[in-house]
Amino acid sequence: QVQLVESGGGLVQAGGSLRLSCAASGRTFGSYRMGWFRQAPGKEREFVVGISRSGILTDYADSVKGRFSISRDNAKNTVYLQMNSLKPEDTAVYYCAAKIGVYGTSRSPTEYDYWGQGTQVTVSS
């Protein structure tokens, strides 16, 4: 069983920045594919960015490309999401997700087995 705990959400003005963190349990974090998803009120959960177990491969949704950056520190069992130039439409609950023992990245929520509880990001205009 893997536990994921997100932190770093909050209220920020448009154009501002936030850094989300996702701390994972387990001794084999280096074998976890990781991803960030978000869900706005009344909308379906959508893919934001994914990162491979080594961190070499990343995949960004077009809506965040050039503004968001994902990274991971396998020694600290943590994945980060740096969000810059935030827009009101980025407002959502952000979730990190993990799948153990697979290579590459994935945009599909069904390709992840473990989810955090989410952290709220609110961008005011």
Protein backbone atom coordinates (compact mmCIF):
# COMPACT_ATOMS: atom_id res chain seq x y z
CA GLN A 1 0.00 0.00 0.00
CA VAL A 2 1.31 3.42 -0.98
CA GLN A 3 0.24 6.61 0.74
CA LEU A 4 0.52 9.95 -1.03
CA VAL A 5 0.27 13.28 0.77
CA GLU A 6 0.06 16.53 -1.17
CA SER A 7 0.92 19.93 0.24
CA GLY A 8 1.60 23.45 -0.95
CA GLY A 9 -1.80 24.50 -2.23
CA GLY A 10 -3.33 27.85 -1.43
CA LEU A 11 -4.70 31.12 -2.72
CA VAL A 12 -2.63 33.13 -5.16
CA GLN A 13 -3.24 36.02 -7.52
CA ALA A 14 -3.16 35.54 -11.26
CA GLY A 15 0.40 35.59 -12.49
CA GLY A 16 1.72 34.21 -9.24
CA SER A 17 3.43 30.94 -8.42
CA LEU A 18 2.94 27.95 -6.17
CA ARG A 19 4.95 24.81 -5.57
CA LEU A 20 3.10 21.62 -4.77
CA SER A 21 4.75 18.64 -3.13
CA CYS A 22 3.65 15.03 -2.96
CA ALA A 23 5.33 12.82 -0.40
CA ALA A 24 5.05 9.08 -0.95
CA SER A 25 5.44 6.19 1.43
CA GLY A 26 7.34 3.04 0.57
CA ARG A 27 10.92 1.98 0.03
CA THR A 28 10.79 1.74 -3.73
CA PHE A 29 9.76 5.25 -4.76
CA GLY A 30 12.21 5.03 -7.63
CA SER A 31 9.92 2.44 -9.22
CA TYR A 32 6.82 4.66 -9.09
CA ARG A 33 5.41 6.34 -12.17
CA MET A 34 3.99 9.63 -10.86
CA GLY A 35 1.44 12.08 -12.17
CA TRP A 36 -0.49 15.20 -11.26
CA PHE A 37 -4.15 15.60 -12.07
CA ARG A 38 -6.64 18.31 -11.22
CA GLN A 39 -10.37 18.62 -10.85
CA ALA A 40 -12.33 21.84 -10.96
CA PRO A 41 -15.90 22.09 -9.60
CA GLY A 42 -18.36 20.51 -11.98
CA LYS A 43 -15.64 19.16 -14.24
CA GLU A 44 -13.99 15.82 -14.74
CA ARG A 45 -10.55 15.07 -13.39
CA GLU A 46 -7.94 16.03 -15.97
CA PHE A 47 -4.33 15.18 -16.56
CA VAL A 48 -1.78 17.89 -15.80
CA VAL A 49 1.66 16.28 -16.03
CA GLY A 50 3.37 12.94 -15.67
CA ILE A 51 6.92 11.86 -14.87
CA SER A 52 8.62 8.54 -15.32
CA ARG A 53 10.22 6.57 -12.50
CA SER A 54 13.68 7.91 -13.33
CA GLY A 55 12.51 11.44 -13.99
CA ILE A 56 13.91 11.40 -17.50
CA LEU A 57 10.54 11.37 -19.23
CA THR A 58 7.91 14.03 -18.65
CA ASP A 59 4.62 14.80 -20.38
CA TYR A 60 2.64 18.01 -19.96
CA ALA A 61 -0.91 18.88 -20.86
CA ASP A 62 -0.97 21.63 -23.46
CA SER A 63 -2.81 23.91 -21.04
CA VAL A 64 0.16 24.02 -18.64
CA LYS A 65 3.12 23.54 -20.96
CA GLY A 66 5.71 26.26 -20.45
CA ARG A 67 4.20 27.34 -17.13
CA PHE A 68 4.34 24.21 -14.95
CA SER A 69 7.36 22.05 -14.22
CA ILE A 70 7.46 18.62 -12.61
CA SER A 71 10.45 17.12 -10.84
CA ARG A 72 11.15 14.34 -8.41
CA ASP A 73 13.66 13.56 -5.71
CA ASN A 74 13.79 9.81 -5.33
CA ALA A 75 16.00 10.10 -2.26
CA LYS A 76 13.24 12.07 -0.52
CA ASN A 77 10.30 10.08 -1.93
CA THR A 78 8.83 13.33 -3.20
CA VAL A 79 7.54 14.71 -6.47
CA TYR A 80 7.12 18.44 -7.02
CA LEU A 81 4.95 20.59 -9.23
CA GLN A 82 6.23 24.12 -9.77
CA MET A 83 3.39 26.26 -11.10
CA ASN A 84 4.22 29.67 -12.56
CA SER A 85 2.15 32.29 -14.36
CA LEU A 86 -0.98 30.91 -12.75
CA LYS A 87 -4.34 31.70 -14.30
CA PRO A 88 -7.84 31.65 -12.79
CA GLU A 89 -8.60 28.61 -14.93
CA ASP A 90 -5.90 26.70 -13.03
CA THR A 91 -8.17 26.77 -9.98
CA ALA A 92 -8.85 23.18 -8.94
CA VAL A 93 -8.07 20.47 -6.46
CA TYR A 94 -4.73 19.00 -7.45
CA TYR A 95 -4.06 15.30 -6.90
CA CYS A 96 -0.87 13.33 -7.21
CA ALA A 97 -1.04 9.73 -8.34
CA ALA A 98 1.30 6.76 -8.51
CA LYS A 99 1.67 3.41 -10.16
CA ILE A 100 4.34 0.97 -9.10
CA GLY A 101 6.66 -0.90 -11.38
CA VAL A 102 5.91 0.52 -14.82
CA TYR A 103 7.97 2.56 -17.23
CA GLY A 104 7.13 5.75 -19.02
CA THR A 105 4.32 8.19 -18.34
CA SER A 106 0.58 8.06 -18.79
CA ARG A 107 -2.23 10.58 -19.16
CA SER A 108 -4.96 8.16 -18.16
CA PRO A 109 -6.21 8.14 -14.55
CA THR A 110 -6.84 4.41 -14.90
CA GLU A 111 -3.09 3.88 -15.29
CA TYR A 112 -2.50 4.96 -11.70
CA ASP A 113 -3.27 2.83 -8.65
CA TYR A 114 -2.72 5.24 -5.78
CA TRP A 115 -4.02 8.75 -5.18
CA GLY A 116 -3.48 11.47 -2.65
CA GLN A 117 -6.26 13.35 -0.89
CA GLY A 118 -5.75 16.47 -2.98
CA THR A 119 -4.73 20.03 -2.28
CA GLN A 120 -6.76 23.09 -3.26
CA VAL A 121 -5.27 25.68 -5.58
CA THR A 122 -7.24 28.89 -6.03
CA VAL A 123 -6.11 31.58 -8.43
CA SER A 124 -7.85 34.93 -8.13
CA SER A 125 -8.17 37.35 -11.02
